[in-house]
Amino acid sequence: MLIRASLAVSLAAVSIAQAQPIHARQPVPAPAPLSNDMLLARGVQSFRQGDHAAAARDFRVLARRDVPAAETLLGTMSANGQGMPRNEAVAAAWFLRAARRGYGPAQLALANAFAEGRGVPRNIPRAAELARAAAGQGQPGAAEFAARLTPQRYAQANRPITGGKP
């Protein structure tokens, strides 16, 4: 009799445990992380809406994933002080990171930084090299920029205008 009562209690306990909702016993899975394309689109949308802090957050996540477009955008935002303090050295570092992966827009942005000495020491040969690399990636305007950086043309372009004859 004692065995039957014990068995009945055990069966009742199992029935009660099985009657509990499943979600009460299992943890809720975390949402799947957003894809790089979705994060980039969300970041660009935030940027266009003027929410630079939100855009920077998304771009930083992508930068940790080694996405050169996000690194370049972070560089641009840093150079302009959008969503973060303005810092041309940090901007150049972001451009360099993406340029090392062969990303044309970053190569051109870094070429411009070297040509103007913004965030990095002025280095015209390095700027021309980067501009040619960006042109090789099909970056619009890069070939023309590289051509302007030849020593003779760059010297002419940077000569001060004195009023009369050149």
C-alpha atoms as a PDB file:
ATOM      1  CA  MET A   1       0.000   0.000   0.000  1.00  0.00           C
ATOM      2  CA  LEU A   2       2.803   2.365   0.851  1.00  0.00           C
ATOM      3  CA  ILE A   3       4.428   1.658  -2.508  1.00  0.00           C
ATOM      4  CA  ARG A   4       1.212   2.400  -4.379  1.00  0.00           C
ATOM      5  CA  ALA A   5       0.772   5.699  -2.538  1.00  0.00           C
ATOM      6  CA  SER A   6       4.364   6.657  -3.217  1.00  0.00           C
ATOM      7  CA  LEU A   7       3.951   5.775  -6.904  1.00  0.00           C
ATOM      8  CA  ALA A   8       0.745   7.784  -7.110  1.00  0.00           C
ATOM      9  CA  VAL A   9       2.440  10.830  -5.540  1.00  0.00           C
ATOM     10  CA  SER A  10       5.392  10.504  -7.942  1.00  0.00           C
ATOM     11  CA  LEU A  11       3.080  10.260 -10.952  1.00  0.00           C
ATOM     12  CA  ALA A  12       1.129  13.269  -9.745  1.00  0.00           C
ATOM     13  CA  ALA A  13       4.347  15.276  -9.346  1.00  0.00           C
ATOM     14  CA  VAL A  14       5.432  14.362 -12.895  1.00  0.00           C
ATOM     15  CA  SER A  15       2.019  15.346 -14.256  1.00  0.00           C
ATOM     16  CA  ILE A  16       2.164  18.718 -12.489  1.00  0.00           C
ATOM     17  CA  ALA A  17       5.711  19.377 -13.728  1.00  0.00           C
ATOM     18  CA  GLN A  18       4.693  18.544 -17.280  1.00  0.00           C
ATOM     19  CA  ALA A  19       1.654  20.796 -17.032  1.00  0.00           C
ATOM     20  CA  GLN A  20       3.833  23.876 -16.427  1.00  0.00           C
ATOM     21  CA  PRO A  21       4.278  26.076 -19.492  1.00  0.00           C
ATOM     22  CA  ILE A  22       7.424  25.273 -21.482  1.00  0.00           C
ATOM     23  CA  HIS A  23       8.598  28.891 -21.507  1.00  0.00           C
ATOM     24  CA  ALA A  24       8.777  28.835 -17.711  1.00  0.00           C
ATOM     25  CA  ARG A  25      11.470  26.176 -17.829  1.00  0.00           C
ATOM     26  CA  GLN A  26      13.522  27.223 -20.866  1.00  0.00           C
ATOM     27  CA  PRO A  27      15.479  30.463 -21.247  1.00  0.00           C
ATOM     28  CA  VAL A  28      14.389  32.753 -24.038  1.00  0.00           C
ATOM     29  CA  PRO A  29      17.007  32.729 -26.811  1.00  0.00           C
ATOM     30  CA  ALA A  30      18.808  35.991 -27.552  1.00  0.00           C
ATOM     31  CA  PRO A  31      17.808  37.689 -30.802  1.00  0.00           C
ATOM     32  CA  ALA A  32      20.060  36.917 -33.736  1.00  0.00           C
ATOM     33  CA  PRO A  33      22.664  39.619 -34.370  1.00  0.00           C
ATOM     34  CA  LEU A  34      21.953  41.932 -37.280  1.00  0.00           C
ATOM     35  CA  SER A  35      23.818  41.247 -40.492  1.00  0.00           C
ATOM     36  CA  ASN A  36      26.533  43.640 -41.625  1.00  0.00           C
ATOM     37  CA  ASP A  37      24.300  44.955 -44.413  1.00  0.00           C
ATOM     38  CA  MET A  38      21.408  45.615 -42.029  1.00  0.00           C
ATOM     39  CA  LEU A  39      23.657  47.360 -39.491  1.00  0.00           C
ATOM     40  CA  LEU A  40      25.279  49.479 -42.186  1.00  0.00           C
ATOM     41  CA  ALA A  41      21.882  50.492 -43.585  1.00  0.00           C
ATOM     42  CA  ARG A  42      20.616  51.343 -40.092  1.00  0.00           C
ATOM     43  CA  GLY A  43      23.754  53.362 -39.352  1.00  0.00           C
ATOM     44  CA  VAL A  44      23.508  55.300 -42.599  1.00  0.00           C
ATOM     45  CA  GLN A  45      19.830  55.998 -41.945  1.00  0.00           C
ATOM     46  CA  SER A  46      20.645  57.240 -38.426  1.00  0.00           C
ATOM     47  CA  PHE A  47      23.372  59.453 -39.840  1.00  0.00           C
ATOM     48  CA  ARG A  48      21.056  60.941 -42.468  1.00  0.00           C
ATOM     49  CA  GLN A  49      18.473  61.646 -39.778  1.00  0.00           C
ATOM     50  CA  GLY A  50      21.108  63.510 -37.764  1.00  0.00           C
ATOM     51  CA  ASP A  51      21.449  60.879 -35.032  1.00  0.00           C
ATOM     52  CA  HIS A  52      25.230  60.693 -35.270  1.00  0.00           C
ATOM     53  CA  ALA A  53      25.639  58.948 -31.914  1.00  0.00           C
ATOM     54  CA  ALA A  54      23.422  56.044 -33.030  1.00  0.00           C
ATOM     55  CA  ALA A  55      25.211  55.886 -36.378  1.00  0.00           C
ATOM     56  CA  ALA A  56      28.593  55.780 -34.639  1.00  0.00           C
ATOM     57  CA  ARG A  57      27.409  52.914 -32.411  1.00  0.00           C
ATOM     58  CA  ASP A  58      26.390  50.837 -35.420  1.00  0.00           C
ATOM     59  CA  PHE A  59      29.575  51.688 -37.314  1.00  0.00           C
ATOM     60  CA  ARG A  60      31.715  50.712 -34.308  1.00  0.00           C
ATOM     61  CA  VAL A  61      30.041  47.291 -34.175  1.00  0.00           C
ATOM     62  CA  LEU A  62      30.826  46.883 -37.864  1.00  0.00           C
ATOM     63  CA  ALA A  63      34.393  48.116 -37.382  1.00  0.00           C
ATOM     64  CA  ARG A  64      34.885  45.350 -34.795  1.00  0.00           C
ATOM     65  CA  ARG A  65      33.773  43.004 -37.573  1.00  0.00           C
ATOM     66  CA  ASP A  66      36.449  44.538 -39.872  1.00  0.00           C
ATOM     67  CA  VAL A  67      34.001  46.189 -42.289  1.00  0.00           C
ATOM     68  CA  PRO A  68      36.040  48.827 -44.168  1.00  0.00           C
ATOM     69  CA  ALA A  69      33.029  50.954 -45.151  1.00  0.00           C
ATOM     70  CA  ALA A  70      32.163  51.422 -41.467  1.00  0.00           C
ATOM     71  CA  GLU A  71      35.789  52.226 -40.602  1.00  0.00           C
ATOM     72  CA  THR A  72      35.842  54.855 -43.346  1.00  0.00           C
ATOM     73  CA  LEU A  73      32.567  56.345 -42.145  1.00  0.00           C
ATOM     74  CA  LEU A  74      33.917  56.496 -38.584  1.00  0.00           C
ATOM     75  CA  GLY A  75      36.961  58.305 -39.952  1.00  0.00           C
ATOM     76  CA  THR A  76      34.786  60.825 -41.747  1.00  0.00           C
ATOM     77  CA  MET A  77      32.642  61.357 -38.655  1.00  0.00           C
ATOM     78  CA  SER A  78      35.739  61.823 -36.502  1.00  0.00           C
ATOM     79  CA  ALA A  79      37.236  64.317 -38.970  1.00  0.00           C
ATOM     80  CA  ASN A  80      33.995  66.327 -38.862  1.00  0.00           C
ATOM     81  CA  GLY A  81      33.180  65.916 -35.160  1.00  0.00           C
ATOM     82  CA  GLN A  82      29.896  64.129 -35.848  1.00  0.00           C
ATOM     83  CA  GLY A  83      28.798  61.900 -32.969  1.00  0.00           C
ATOM     84  CA  MET A  84      32.249  62.123 -31.391  1.00  0.00           C
ATOM     85  CA  PRO A  85      34.880  64.751 -30.705  1.00  0.00           C
ATOM     86  CA  ARG A  86      36.598  66.130 -33.806  1.00  0.00           C
ATOM     87  CA  ASN A  87      39.998  64.451 -34.109  1.00  0.00           C
ATOM     88  CA  GLU A  88      41.863  64.291 -37.414  1.00  0.00           C
ATOM     89  CA  ALA A  89      44.482  61.852 -36.081  1.00  0.00           C
ATOM     90  CA  VAL A  90      41.750  59.392 -35.093  1.00  0.00           C
ATOM     91  CA  ALA A  91      40.127  59.946 -38.493  1.00  0.00           C
ATOM     92  CA  ALA A  92      43.401  59.135 -40.267  1.00  0.00           C
ATOM     93  CA  ALA A  93      43.761  55.991 -38.151  1.00  0.00           C
ATOM     94  CA  TRP A  94      40.298  54.804 -39.230  1.00  0.00           C
ATOM     95  CA  PHE A  95      41.105  55.593 -42.872  1.00  0.00           C
ATOM     96  CA  LEU A  96      44.403  53.708 -42.584  1.00  0.00           C
ATOM     97  CA  ARG A  97      42.695  50.660 -41.130  1.00  0.00           C
ATOM     98  CA  ALA A  98      40.258  50.449 -44.057  1.00  0.00           C
ATOM     99  CA  ALA A  99      42.863  51.466 -46.659  1.00  0.00           C
ATOM    100  CA  ARG A 100      45.044  48.527 -45.648  1.00  0.00           C
ATOM    101  CA  ARG A 101      42.193  46.261 -46.757  1.00  0.00           C
ATOM    102  CA  GLY A 102      42.258  47.876 -50.202  1.00  0.00           C
ATOM    103  CA  TYR A 103      39.071  49.908 -49.725  1.00  0.00           C
ATOM    104  CA  GLY A 104      39.136  52.677 -52.370  1.00  0.00           C
ATOM    105  CA  PRO A 105      37.191  55.388 -50.502  1.00  0.00           C
ATOM    106  CA  ALA A 106      39.483  54.988 -47.472  1.00  0.00           C
ATOM    107  CA  GLN A 107      42.589  55.079 -49.666  1.00  0.00           C
ATOM    108  CA  LEU A 108      41.407  58.343 -51.220  1.00  0.00           C
ATOM    109  CA  ALA A 109      40.473  59.858 -47.846  1.00  0.00           C
ATOM    110  CA  LEU A 110      43.877  58.920 -46.429  1.00  0.00           C
ATOM    111  CA  ALA A 111      45.592  60.310 -49.542  1.00  0.00           C
ATOM    112  CA  ASN A 112      43.820  63.602 -48.922  1.00  0.00           C
ATOM    113  CA  ALA A 113      44.888  63.564 -45.260  1.00  0.00           C
ATOM    114  CA  PHE A 114      48.538  63.010 -46.256  1.00  0.00           C
ATOM    115  CA  ALA A 115      48.338  65.698 -48.964  1.00  0.00           C
ATOM    116  CA  GLU A 116      46.995  68.268 -46.514  1.00  0.00           C
ATOM    117  CA  GLY A 117      48.762  67.064 -43.373  1.00  0.00           C
ATOM    118  CA  ARG A 118      45.501  66.475 -41.508  1.00  0.00           C
ATOM    119  CA  GLY A 119      46.003  64.006 -38.670  1.00  0.00           C
ATOM    120  CA  VAL A 120      49.224  62.735 -40.222  1.00  0.00           C
ATOM    121  CA  PRO A 121      52.452  64.431 -41.296  1.00  0.00           C
ATOM    122  CA  ARG A 122      52.220  65.924 -44.767  1.00  0.00           C
ATOM    123  CA  ASN A 123      53.641  63.405 -47.237  1.00  0.00           C
ATOM    124  CA  ILE A 124      52.928  64.099 -50.912  1.00  0.00           C
ATOM    125  CA  PRO A 125      54.592  60.921 -52.294  1.00  0.00           C
ATOM    126  CA  ARG A 126      52.535  58.777 -49.888  1.00  0.00           C
ATOM    127  CA  ALA A 127      49.388  60.721 -50.816  1.00  0.00           C
ATOM    128  CA  ALA A 128      50.041  60.114 -54.529  1.00  0.00           C
ATOM    129  CA  GLU A 129      50.667  56.410 -53.890  1.00  0.00           C
ATOM    130  CA  LEU A 130      47.369  56.075 -52.024  1.00  0.00           C
ATOM    131  CA  ALA A 131      45.480  58.054 -54.647  1.00  0.00           C
ATOM    132  CA  ARG A 132      46.844  55.779 -57.385  1.00  0.00           C
ATOM    133  CA  ALA A 133      45.797  52.741 -55.324  1.00  0.00           C
ATOM    134  CA  ALA A 134      42.296  54.202 -54.968  1.00  0.00           C
ATOM    135  CA  ALA A 135      42.208  54.839 -58.722  1.00  0.00           C
ATOM    136  CA  GLY A 136      43.105  51.184 -59.224  1.00  0.00           C
ATOM    137  CA  GLN A 137      40.045  50.308 -57.138  1.00  0.00           C
ATOM    138  CA  GLY A 138      37.909  52.437 -59.478  1.00  0.00           C
ATOM    139  CA  GLN A 139      37.365  55.215 -56.954  1.00  0.00           C
ATOM    140  CA  PRO A 140      35.908  58.245 -58.796  1.00  0.00           C
ATOM    141  CA  GLY A 141      38.221  61.259 -58.826  1.00  0.00           C
ATOM    142  CA  ALA A 142      41.218  59.327 -57.519  1.00  0.00           C
ATOM    143  CA  ALA A 143      43.182  59.317 -60.786  1.00  0.00           C
ATOM    144  CA  GLU A 144      42.747  63.065 -61.211  1.00  0.00           C
ATOM    145  CA  PHE A 145      43.792  63.636 -57.606  1.00  0.00           C
ATOM    146  CA  ALA A 146      46.888  61.454 -58.086  1.00  0.00           C
ATOM    147  CA  ALA A 147      47.794  63.421 -61.231  1.00  0.00           C
ATOM    148  CA  ARG A 148      47.564  66.695 -59.301  1.00  0.00           C
ATOM    149  CA  LEU A 149      50.000  65.291 -56.734  1.00  0.00           C
ATOM    150  CA  THR A 150      52.970  64.986 -59.074  1.00  0.00           C
ATOM    151  CA  PRO A 151      55.768  67.154 -57.669  1.00  0.00           C
ATOM    152  CA  GLN A 152      55.575  69.781 -60.437  1.00  0.00           C
ATOM    153  CA  ARG A 153      51.794  70.130 -60.463  1.00  0.00           C
ATOM    154  CA  TYR A 154      51.537  70.081 -56.678  1.00  0.00           C
ATOM    155  CA  ALA A 155      54.112  72.877 -56.403  1.00  0.00           C
ATOM    156  CA  GLN A 156      52.153  74.952 -58.940  1.00  0.00           C
ATOM    157  CA  ALA A 157      48.844  74.311 -57.201  1.00  0.00           C
ATOM    158  CA  ASN A 158      50.221  75.414 -53.828  1.00  0.00           C
ATOM    159  CA  ARG A 159      52.043  78.525 -55.082  1.00  0.00           C
ATOM    160  CA  PRO A 160      50.549  81.644 -53.489  1.00  0.00           C
ATOM    161  CA  ILE A 161      48.779  84.031 -55.829  1.00  0.00           C
ATOM    162  CA  THR A 162      50.487  87.422 -55.754  1.00  0.00           C
ATOM    163  CA  GLY A 163      48.100  89.480 -57.780  1.00  0.00           C
ATOM    164  CA  GLY A 164      49.631  90.112 -61.225  1.00  0.00           C
ATOM    165  CA  LYS A 165      51.410  87.537 -63.300  1.00  0.00           C
ATOM    166  CA  PRO A 166      51.730  83.941 -62.046  1.00  0.00           C
END
